């Protein structure tokens, strides 16, 4: 009977885990096509999956930033750390899932991602830092889809504009370093 109870407990946990996974916005994405928002989310998921398969923490972090940029980035020239960090923080704030501190995203982008991408020696990143960031990126993809749906945004650019124009952005900017 003890083994039977353990088996039933595992089955209940499995069913609960499956139900939770299937309730996430990413579980409803079409494999192909869809709106611009859905296509951006699918691109982000592809980068996210590559990060999960990478064995080097720097490569994992770079792929995770590619995922975040697929949903919240833009193609403008110049420094992008501040805009990306603020968009991520505003998104988490607006979706009520807590508050993603913009300083953490900003620092990882500026000190690690940009350094590596521009051919310099990037500082070491720990597996814990990467795991924490991966969790936040996964959450961001779901929040991005929820935000787009709630605000009637069909294109990534509409989401980015809405986040950039949100009144909370000015207050959140005070949390950035410097």
N, C-alpha and C. Protein backbone atom coordinates (compact mmCIF):
# COMPACT_ATOMS: atom_id res chain seq x y z
N UNK A 1 0.82 -1.21 0.00
CA UNK A 1 0.00 0.00 0.00
C UNK A 1 0.85 1.26 0.00
N UNK A 2 2.00 1.23 0.64
CA UNK A 2 2.86 2.41 0.64
C UNK A 2 3.32 2.74 -0.78
N UNK A 3 3.67 1.70 -1.54
CA UNK A 3 4.09 1.92 -2.93
C UNK A 3 2.92 2.45 -3.75
N UNK A 4 1.73 1.96 -3.52
CA UNK A 4 0.55 2.43 -4.24
C UNK A 4 0.29 3.90 -3.93
N UNK A 5 0.42 4.28 -2.66
CA UNK A 5 0.21 5.69 -2.29
C UNK A 5 1.25 6.59 -2.95
N UNK A 6 2.50 6.14 -2.97
CA UNK A 6 3.55 6.93 -3.63
C UNK A 6 3.27 7.08 -5.12
N UNK A 7 2.86 5.99 -5.75
CA UNK A 7 2.54 6.03 -7.18
C UNK A 7 1.39 7.01 -7.44
N UNK A 8 0.35 6.95 -6.61
CA UNK A 8 -0.80 7.87 -6.77
C UNK A 8 -0.38 9.32 -6.53
N UNK A 9 0.49 9.52 -5.54
CA UNK A 9 0.97 10.89 -5.26
C UNK A 9 1.76 11.41 -6.45
N UNK A 10 2.63 10.56 -7.02
CA UNK A 10 3.40 10.99 -8.20
C UNK A 10 2.48 11.28 -9.37
N UNK A 11 1.47 10.44 -9.57
CA UNK A 11 0.52 10.65 -10.67
C UNK A 11 -0.22 11.96 -10.49
N UNK A 12 -0.64 12.25 -9.26
CA UNK A 12 -1.34 13.51 -8.99
C UNK A 12 -0.42 14.70 -9.26
N UNK A 13 0.83 14.59 -8.83
CA UNK A 13 1.80 15.67 -9.08
C UNK A 13 2.05 15.81 -10.57
N UNK A 14 2.14 14.69 -11.28
CA UNK A 14 2.37 14.72 -12.72
C UNK A 14 1.21 15.40 -13.42
N UNK A 15 -0.02 15.02 -13.03
CA UNK A 15 -1.21 15.63 -13.64
C UNK A 15 -1.26 17.12 -13.35
N UNK A 16 -0.92 17.49 -12.12
CA UNK A 16 -0.90 18.91 -11.76
C UNK A 16 0.17 19.66 -12.56
N UNK A 17 1.34 19.05 -12.69
CA UNK A 17 2.42 19.68 -13.46
C UNK A 17 2.03 19.83 -14.93
N UNK A 18 1.40 18.81 -15.48
CA UNK A 18 0.96 18.87 -16.88
C UNK A 18 -0.10 19.94 -17.06
N UNK A 19 -1.05 19.99 -16.14
CA UNK A 19 -2.10 21.02 -16.21
C UNK A 19 -1.49 22.42 -16.13
N UNK A 20 -0.52 22.62 -15.25
CA UNK A 20 0.13 23.92 -15.11
C UNK A 20 0.89 24.28 -16.39
N UNK A 21 1.58 23.30 -16.96
CA UNK A 21 2.33 23.55 -18.20
C UNK A 21 1.40 23.89 -19.35
N UNK A 22 0.28 23.21 -19.43
CA UNK A 22 -0.66 23.44 -20.53
C UNK A 22 -1.46 24.73 -20.37
N UNK A 23 -1.43 25.32 -19.19
CA UNK A 23 -2.16 26.57 -18.98
C UNK A 23 -1.30 27.80 -19.30
N UNK A 24 -0.02 27.60 -19.51
CA UNK A 24 0.88 28.71 -19.85
C UNK A 24 0.59 29.19 -21.27
N UNK A 25 0.65 30.50 -21.49
CA UNK A 25 0.39 31.03 -22.84
C UNK A 25 1.25 30.41 -23.94
N UNK A 26 2.49 30.03 -23.63
CA UNK A 26 3.34 29.45 -24.67
C UNK A 26 2.80 28.11 -25.16
N UNK A 27 1.97 27.45 -24.36
CA UNK A 27 1.44 26.15 -24.78
C UNK A 27 0.40 26.28 -25.88
N UNK A 28 -0.10 27.48 -26.11
CA UNK A 28 -1.14 27.68 -27.14
C UNK A 28 -0.58 28.25 -28.44
N UNK A 29 0.72 28.44 -28.50
CA UNK A 29 1.31 29.02 -29.72
C UNK A 29 1.16 28.08 -30.91
N UNK A 30 0.79 28.62 -32.06
CA UNK A 30 0.79 27.77 -33.26
C UNK A 30 2.22 27.45 -33.65
N UNK A 31 2.43 26.29 -34.21
CA UNK A 31 3.78 25.87 -34.61
C UNK A 31 4.31 26.77 -35.72
N UNK A 32 3.44 27.14 -36.65
CA UNK A 32 3.84 28.01 -37.76
C UNK A 32 2.80 29.11 -37.91
N UNK A 33 3.23 30.20 -38.51
CA UNK A 33 2.31 31.29 -38.79
C UNK A 33 1.90 32.03 -37.53
N UNK A 34 0.69 32.50 -37.52
CA UNK A 34 0.19 33.26 -36.38
C UNK A 34 0.49 34.74 -36.54
N UNK A 35 0.12 35.48 -35.53
CA UNK A 35 0.35 36.92 -35.54
C UNK A 35 1.84 37.22 -35.38
N UNK A 36 2.20 38.46 -35.58
CA UNK A 36 3.59 38.88 -35.37
C UNK A 36 4.04 38.62 -33.95
N UNK A 37 3.15 38.82 -32.99
CA UNK A 37 3.46 38.55 -31.58
C UNK A 37 3.77 37.07 -31.40
N UNK A 38 2.94 36.20 -31.98
CA UNK A 38 3.15 34.76 -31.85
C UNK A 38 4.44 34.32 -32.54
N UNK A 39 4.75 34.91 -33.68
CA UNK A 39 5.99 34.57 -34.38
C UNK A 39 7.20 35.00 -33.55
N UNK A 40 7.12 36.17 -32.93
CA UNK A 40 8.21 36.63 -32.06
C UNK A 40 8.38 35.70 -30.86
N UNK A 41 7.27 35.29 -30.28
CA UNK A 41 7.33 34.37 -29.14
C UNK A 41 7.93 33.03 -29.55
N UNK A 42 7.58 32.54 -30.73
CA UNK A 42 8.17 31.29 -31.22
C UNK A 42 9.67 31.42 -31.43
N UNK A 43 10.11 32.56 -31.98
CA UNK A 43 11.56 32.79 -32.15
C UNK A 43 12.24 32.79 -30.79
N UNK A 44 11.61 33.45 -29.83
CA UNK A 44 12.17 33.50 -28.48
C UNK A 44 12.28 32.10 -27.89
N UNK A 45 11.25 31.28 -28.11
CA UNK A 45 11.29 29.92 -27.60
C UNK A 45 12.39 29.09 -28.25
N UNK A 46 12.64 29.32 -29.52
CA UNK A 46 13.73 28.60 -30.20
C UNK A 46 15.07 28.94 -29.55
N UNK A 47 15.31 30.23 -29.28
CA UNK A 47 16.55 30.64 -28.61
C UNK A 47 16.60 30.08 -27.20
N UNK A 48 15.46 30.11 -26.51
CA UNK A 48 15.39 29.58 -25.16
C UNK A 48 15.77 28.10 -25.14
N UNK A 49 15.24 27.34 -26.09
CA UNK A 49 15.55 25.91 -26.18
C UNK A 49 17.04 25.68 -26.47
N UNK A 50 17.62 26.50 -27.32
CA UNK A 50 19.06 26.38 -27.59
C UNK A 50 19.86 26.63 -26.32
N UNK A 51 19.40 27.59 -25.53
CA UNK A 51 20.09 27.88 -24.27
C UNK A 51 20.05 26.67 -23.34
N UNK A 52 18.92 25.97 -23.33
CA UNK A 52 18.78 24.81 -22.46
C UNK A 52 19.71 23.68 -22.87
N UNK A 53 20.06 23.62 -24.15
CA UNK A 53 20.92 22.55 -24.65
C UNK A 53 22.40 22.90 -24.60
N UNK A 54 22.72 24.17 -24.47
CA UNK A 54 24.12 24.60 -24.44
C UNK A 54 24.78 24.14 -23.15
N UNK A 55 26.07 23.86 -23.22
CA UNK A 55 26.80 23.41 -22.04
C UNK A 55 27.68 24.49 -21.44
N UNK A 56 27.91 25.55 -22.15
CA UNK A 56 28.73 26.66 -21.68
C UNK A 56 27.81 27.76 -21.14
N UNK A 57 28.07 28.24 -19.93
CA UNK A 57 27.18 29.23 -19.32
C UNK A 57 27.13 30.53 -20.11
N UNK A 58 28.24 30.93 -20.72
CA UNK A 58 28.23 32.15 -21.52
C UNK A 58 27.33 31.99 -22.73
N UNK A 59 27.43 30.87 -23.41
CA UNK A 59 26.57 30.61 -24.58
C UNK A 59 25.12 30.55 -24.14
N UNK A 60 24.85 29.92 -23.03
CA UNK A 60 23.48 29.87 -22.51
C UNK A 60 22.94 31.28 -22.29
N UNK A 61 23.75 32.12 -21.66
CA UNK A 61 23.31 33.49 -21.38
C UNK A 61 23.08 34.27 -22.67
N UNK A 62 23.96 34.11 -23.63
CA UNK A 62 23.78 34.80 -24.91
C UNK A 62 22.48 34.37 -25.58
N UNK A 63 22.22 33.07 -25.63
CA UNK A 63 20.98 32.58 -26.23
C UNK A 63 19.75 33.11 -25.48
N UNK A 64 19.85 33.18 -24.16
CA UNK A 64 18.73 33.71 -23.38
C UNK A 64 18.49 35.19 -23.70
N UNK A 65 19.55 35.94 -23.89
CA UNK A 65 19.37 37.33 -24.29
C UNK A 65 18.78 37.42 -25.70
N UNK A 66 19.18 36.53 -26.59
CA UNK A 66 18.58 36.52 -27.92
C UNK A 66 17.08 36.27 -27.81
N UNK A 67 16.68 35.38 -26.89
CA UNK A 67 15.27 35.10 -26.67
C UNK A 67 14.55 36.35 -26.16
N UNK A 68 15.13 37.02 -25.18
CA UNK A 68 14.52 38.22 -24.63
C UNK A 68 14.43 39.32 -25.68
N UNK A 69 15.47 39.44 -26.48
CA UNK A 69 15.46 40.46 -27.53
C UNK A 69 14.46 40.13 -28.64
N UNK A 70 14.17 38.86 -28.84
CA UNK A 70 13.18 38.47 -29.85
C UNK A 70 11.79 38.99 -29.51
N UNK A 71 11.52 39.20 -28.23
CA UNK A 71 10.20 39.70 -27.83
C UNK A 71 10.23 41.16 -27.40
N UNK A 72 11.34 41.64 -26.84
CA UNK A 72 11.36 43.00 -26.28
C UNK A 72 12.42 43.90 -26.88
N UNK A 73 13.19 43.41 -27.83
CA UNK A 73 14.25 44.21 -28.41
C UNK A 73 13.76 45.08 -29.55
N UNK A 74 14.68 45.88 -30.07
CA UNK A 74 14.38 46.68 -31.26
C UNK A 74 15.61 46.72 -32.12
N UNK A 75 15.49 47.27 -33.30
CA UNK A 75 16.60 47.27 -34.25
C UNK A 75 17.34 48.59 -34.30
N UNK A 76 17.10 49.45 -33.34
CA UNK A 76 17.76 50.76 -33.35
C UNK A 76 19.26 50.62 -33.09
N UNK A 77 19.99 51.61 -33.52
CA UNK A 77 21.43 51.64 -33.29
C UNK A 77 21.69 52.11 -31.86
N UNK A 78 22.89 51.86 -31.40
CA UNK A 78 23.29 52.39 -30.10
C UNK A 78 23.08 51.41 -28.96
N UNK A 79 23.21 51.94 -27.76
CA UNK A 79 23.13 51.13 -26.55
C UNK A 79 21.70 50.62 -26.34
N UNK A 80 21.60 49.35 -26.01
CA UNK A 80 20.28 48.74 -25.88
C UNK A 80 20.00 48.18 -24.49
N UNK A 81 20.98 48.14 -23.63
CA UNK A 81 20.81 47.53 -22.31
C UNK A 81 19.70 48.21 -21.52
N UNK A 82 19.69 49.53 -21.51
CA UNK A 82 18.69 50.25 -20.71
C UNK A 82 17.27 49.99 -21.22
N UNK A 83 17.07 50.10 -22.51
CA UNK A 83 15.73 49.91 -23.07
C UNK A 83 15.22 48.50 -22.81
N UNK A 84 16.07 47.50 -23.01
CA UNK A 84 15.66 46.12 -22.80
C UNK A 84 15.34 45.86 -21.32
N UNK A 85 16.21 46.35 -20.44
CA UNK A 85 16.00 46.15 -19.00
C UNK A 85 14.72 46.83 -18.53
N UNK A 86 14.46 48.04 -19.03
CA UNK A 86 13.25 48.75 -18.63
C UNK A 86 11.99 48.06 -19.18
N UNK A 87 12.04 47.61 -20.41
CA UNK A 87 10.87 46.91 -20.98
C UNK A 87 10.57 45.65 -20.18
N UNK A 88 11.61 44.91 -19.82
CA UNK A 88 11.39 43.69 -19.05
C UNK A 88 10.79 44.01 -17.69
N UNK A 89 11.29 45.05 -17.04
CA UNK A 89 10.79 45.43 -15.72
C UNK A 89 9.35 45.93 -15.80
N UNK A 90 9.04 46.75 -16.79
CA UNK A 90 7.68 47.26 -16.95
C UNK A 90 6.73 46.10 -17.24
N UNK A 91 7.15 45.18 -18.09
CA UNK A 91 6.31 44.03 -18.42
C UNK A 91 5.98 43.22 -17.16
N UNK A 92 6.98 42.92 -16.37
CA UNK A 92 6.73 42.13 -15.15
C UNK A 92 5.84 42.91 -14.19
N UNK A 93 6.06 44.21 -14.10
CA UNK A 93 5.24 45.06 -13.24
C UNK A 93 3.78 45.08 -13.70
N UNK A 94 3.57 45.25 -14.98
CA UNK A 94 2.21 45.34 -15.53
C UNK A 94 1.46 44.00 -15.46
N UNK A 95 2.19 42.91 -15.56
CA UNK A 95 1.54 41.60 -15.54
C UNK A 95 1.35 41.07 -14.13
N UNK A 96 1.82 41.82 -13.14
CA UNK A 96 1.57 41.45 -11.76
C UNK A 96 2.26 40.19 -11.28
N UNK A 97 3.33 39.82 -11.94
CA UNK A 97 4.03 38.59 -11.55
C UNK A 97 5.23 38.90 -10.67
N UNK A 98 5.24 40.06 -10.09
CA UNK A 98 6.40 40.48 -9.33
C UNK A 98 7.11 41.57 -10.09
N UNK A 99 8.32 41.81 -9.72
CA UNK A 99 9.06 42.89 -10.34
C UNK A 99 10.44 42.39 -10.70
N UNK A 100 10.73 42.35 -11.98
CA UNK A 100 12.06 41.98 -12.43
C UNK A 100 12.93 43.22 -12.34
N UNK A 101 13.89 43.19 -11.43
CA UNK A 101 14.73 44.36 -11.20
C UNK A 101 15.53 44.69 -12.48
N UNK A 102 15.38 45.91 -12.99
CA UNK A 102 16.07 46.24 -14.24
C UNK A 102 17.59 46.27 -14.12
N UNK A 103 18.09 46.50 -12.91
CA UNK A 103 19.54 46.54 -12.72
C UNK A 103 20.21 45.23 -13.02
N UNK A 104 19.54 44.13 -12.69
CA UNK A 104 20.11 42.81 -12.94
C UNK A 104 20.20 42.53 -14.44
N UNK A 105 19.11 42.79 -15.15
CA UNK A 105 19.11 42.59 -16.60
C UNK A 105 20.12 43.51 -17.26
N UNK A 106 20.12 44.78 -16.84
CA UNK A 106 21.03 45.78 -17.40
C UNK A 106 22.49 45.33 -17.23
N UNK A 107 22.85 44.92 -16.02
CA UNK A 107 24.23 44.54 -15.74
C UNK A 107 24.66 43.33 -16.56
N UNK A 108 23.81 42.30 -16.61
CA UNK A 108 24.15 41.12 -17.40
C UNK A 108 24.31 41.46 -18.87
N UNK A 109 23.43 42.32 -19.37
CA UNK A 109 23.50 42.72 -20.77
C UNK A 109 24.79 43.51 -21.04
N UNK A 110 25.00 44.51 -20.21
CA UNK A 110 26.12 45.43 -20.43
C UNK A 110 27.48 44.80 -20.15
N UNK A 111 27.57 44.07 -19.06
CA UNK A 111 28.87 43.54 -18.64
C UNK A 111 29.22 42.19 -19.27
N UNK A 112 28.21 41.41 -19.63
CA UNK A 112 28.50 40.07 -20.16
C UNK A 112 28.12 39.97 -21.64
N UNK A 113 26.87 40.17 -21.95
CA UNK A 113 26.40 39.99 -23.33
C UNK A 113 27.13 40.90 -24.30
N UNK A 114 27.13 42.21 -24.04
CA UNK A 114 27.76 43.15 -24.96
C UNK A 114 29.26 42.92 -25.06
N UNK A 115 29.88 42.64 -23.94
CA UNK A 115 31.32 42.38 -23.93
C UNK A 115 31.65 41.18 -24.82
N UNK A 116 30.91 40.10 -24.65
CA UNK A 116 31.17 38.89 -25.44
C UNK A 116 30.89 39.11 -26.91
N UNK A 117 29.75 39.74 -27.22
CA UNK A 117 29.36 39.93 -28.61
C UNK A 117 30.32 40.85 -29.35
N UNK A 118 30.94 41.78 -28.64
CA UNK A 118 31.85 42.72 -29.28
C UNK A 118 33.31 42.29 -29.19
N UNK A 119 33.54 41.00 -28.93
CA UNK A 119 34.88 40.43 -29.05
C UNK A 119 35.80 40.61 -27.89
N UNK A 120 35.29 41.01 -26.75
CA UNK A 120 36.14 41.16 -25.57
C UNK A 120 35.98 39.95 -24.66
N UNK A 121 36.86 39.83 -23.70
CA UNK A 121 36.75 38.74 -22.73
C UNK A 121 35.62 39.04 -21.77
N UNK A 122 34.61 38.20 -21.81
CA UNK A 122 33.45 38.38 -20.94
C UNK A 122 33.75 37.82 -19.55
N UNK A 123 33.20 38.45 -18.54
CA UNK A 123 33.39 37.90 -17.19
C UNK A 123 32.66 36.56 -17.05
N UNK A 124 33.09 35.77 -16.09
CA UNK A 124 32.44 34.48 -15.82
C UNK A 124 31.01 34.69 -15.34
N UNK A 125 30.13 33.82 -15.76
CA UNK A 125 28.77 33.80 -15.23
C UNK A 125 28.54 32.42 -14.61
N UNK A 126 27.91 32.42 -13.46
CA UNK A 126 27.68 31.16 -12.77
C UNK A 126 26.45 30.46 -13.33
N UNK A 127 26.40 29.17 -13.08
CA UNK A 127 25.22 28.40 -13.49
C UNK A 127 23.98 28.94 -12.78
N UNK A 128 24.14 29.38 -11.56
CA UNK A 128 23.00 29.94 -10.81
C UNK A 128 22.48 31.22 -11.48
N UNK A 129 23.39 32.10 -11.91
CA UNK A 129 22.98 33.32 -12.61
C UNK A 129 22.21 32.97 -13.88
N UNK A 130 22.71 32.01 -14.61
CA UNK A 130 22.07 31.60 -15.86
C UNK A 130 20.70 30.98 -15.57
N UNK A 131 20.63 30.12 -14.57
CA UNK A 131 19.35 29.50 -14.22
C UNK A 131 18.31 30.55 -13.81
N UNK A 132 18.73 31.51 -13.00
CA UNK A 132 17.81 32.58 -12.58
C UNK A 132 17.33 33.38 -13.78
N UNK A 133 18.26 33.70 -14.67
CA UNK A 133 17.91 34.48 -15.85
C UNK A 133 17.01 33.67 -16.78
N UNK A 134 17.28 32.39 -16.92
CA UNK A 134 16.45 31.52 -17.77
C UNK A 134 15.02 31.49 -17.25
N UNK A 135 14.86 31.38 -15.95
CA UNK A 135 13.52 31.37 -15.37
C UNK A 135 12.80 32.68 -15.71
N UNK A 136 13.52 33.79 -15.60
CA UNK A 136 12.91 35.09 -15.87
C UNK A 136 12.56 35.24 -17.36
N UNK A 137 13.40 34.75 -18.24
CA UNK A 137 13.12 34.83 -19.68
C UNK A 137 11.90 34.00 -20.04
N UNK A 138 11.80 32.81 -19.46
CA UNK A 138 10.62 31.97 -19.71
C UNK A 138 9.36 32.69 -19.24
N UNK A 139 9.44 33.28 -18.07
CA UNK A 139 8.31 34.05 -17.56
C UNK A 139 8.00 35.23 -18.47
N UNK A 140 9.03 35.89 -18.97
CA UNK A 140 8.85 37.04 -19.86
C UNK A 140 8.11 36.66 -21.14
N UNK A 141 8.41 35.51 -21.70
CA UNK A 141 7.73 35.08 -22.93
C UNK A 141 6.24 34.91 -22.67
N UNK A 142 5.91 34.28 -21.55
CA UNK A 142 4.50 34.12 -21.20
C UNK A 142 3.84 35.46 -20.93
N UNK A 143 4.51 36.33 -20.21
CA UNK A 143 3.96 37.66 -19.92
C UNK A 143 3.78 38.47 -21.19
N UNK A 144 4.71 38.34 -22.12
CA UNK A 144 4.64 39.03 -23.40
C UNK A 144 3.36 38.63 -24.13
N UNK A 145 3.08 37.33 -24.18
CA UNK A 145 1.88 36.84 -24.84
C UNK A 145 0.61 37.31 -24.13
N UNK A 146 0.60 37.25 -22.81
CA UNK A 146 -0.55 37.73 -22.04
C UNK A 146 -0.77 39.22 -22.23
N UNK A 147 0.31 40.00 -22.18
CA UNK A 147 0.22 41.45 -22.34
C UNK A 147 -0.32 41.79 -23.72
N UNK A 148 0.22 41.14 -24.74
CA UNK A 148 -0.23 41.40 -26.12
C UNK A 148 -1.71 41.11 -26.27
N UNK A 149 -2.15 40.01 -25.72
CA UNK A 149 -3.56 39.64 -25.81
C UNK A 149 -4.44 40.64 -25.07
N UNK A 150 -4.04 41.00 -23.86
CA UNK A 150 -4.83 41.92 -23.04
C UNK A 150 -4.92 43.32 -23.64
N UNK A 151 -3.88 43.72 -24.38
CA UNK A 151 -3.84 45.07 -24.96
C UNK A 151 -4.14 45.09 -26.45
N UNK A 152 -4.52 43.96 -27.00
CA UNK A 152 -4.89 43.89 -28.41
C UNK A 152 -3.72 44.16 -29.36
N UNK A 153 -2.53 43.75 -28.96
CA UNK A 153 -1.34 43.97 -29.79
C UNK A 153 -1.10 42.75 -30.68
N UNK A 154 -1.06 42.97 -31.98
CA UNK A 154 -0.82 41.87 -32.92
C UNK A 154 0.63 41.80 -33.34
N UNK A 155 1.39 42.88 -33.11
CA UNK A 155 2.79 42.92 -33.52
C UNK A 155 3.69 43.24 -32.34
N UNK A 156 4.89 42.68 -32.38
CA UNK A 156 5.87 42.90 -31.32
C UNK A 156 6.11 44.39 -31.10
N UNK A 157 6.20 45.14 -32.19
CA UNK A 157 6.45 46.58 -32.09
C UNK A 157 5.39 47.32 -31.29
N UNK A 158 4.15 46.83 -31.36
CA UNK A 158 3.07 47.46 -30.58
C UNK A 158 3.28 47.21 -29.09
N UNK A 159 3.74 46.01 -28.75
CA UNK A 159 4.02 45.70 -27.34
C UNK A 159 5.17 46.57 -26.84
N UNK A 160 6.24 46.65 -27.62
CA UNK A 160 7.41 47.44 -27.24
C UNK A 160 7.01 48.90 -27.03
N UNK A 161 6.23 49.45 -27.95
CA UNK A 161 5.79 50.84 -27.83
C UNK A 161 4.95 51.03 -26.57
N UNK A 162 4.03 50.12 -26.31
CA UNK A 162 3.18 50.23 -25.12
C UNK A 162 4.02 50.19 -23.85
N UNK A 163 5.04 49.36 -23.81
CA UNK A 163 5.91 49.29 -22.63
C UNK A 163 6.75 50.56 -22.49
N UNK A 164 7.25 51.05 -23.62
CA UNK A 164 8.07 52.28 -23.59
C UNK A 164 7.26 53.50 -23.18
N UNK A 165 5.98 53.50 -23.49
CA UNK A 165 5.13 54.66 -23.19
C UNK A 165 4.39 54.53 -21.86
N UNK A 166 4.56 53.44 -21.17
CA UNK A 166 3.85 53.23 -19.91
C UNK A 166 4.38 54.21 -18.85
N UNK A 167 3.47 54.85 -18.09
CA UNK A 167 3.89 55.81 -17.06
C UNK A 167 4.81 55.21 -15.99
N UNK A 168 4.70 53.92 -15.72
CA UNK A 168 5.54 53.29 -14.69
C UNK A 168 7.01 53.27 -15.09
N UNK A 169 7.29 53.40 -16.37
CA UNK A 169 8.67 53.34 -16.87
C UNK A 169 9.57 54.36 -16.20
N UNK A 170 9.08 55.58 -16.02
CA UNK A 170 9.88 56.64 -15.42
C UNK A 170 10.27 56.30 -13.98
N UNK A 171 9.34 55.74 -13.23
CA UNK A 171 9.64 55.35 -11.85
C UNK A 171 10.62 54.18 -11.80
N UNK A 172 10.43 53.22 -12.70
CA UNK A 172 11.28 52.03 -12.73
C UNK A 172 12.69 52.39 -13.15
N UNK A 173 12.85 53.40 -13.97
CA UNK A 173 14.17 53.82 -14.44
C UNK A 173 15.09 54.19 -13.28
N UNK A 174 14.52 54.63 -12.17
CA UNK A 174 15.31 55.01 -11.00
C UNK A 174 16.06 53.82 -10.41
N UNK A 175 15.64 52.60 -10.74
CA UNK A 175 16.29 51.40 -10.22
C UNK A 175 17.54 51.00 -11.03
N UNK A 176 17.78 51.68 -12.15
CA UNK A 176 18.94 51.33 -12.98
C UNK A 176 20.24 51.85 -12.34
N UNK A 177 21.33 51.16 -12.59
CA UNK A 177 22.61 51.62 -12.05
C UNK A 177 23.04 52.93 -12.72
N UNK A 178 23.78 53.71 -11.98
CA UNK A 178 24.35 54.93 -12.53
C UNK A 178 23.45 56.04 -12.44
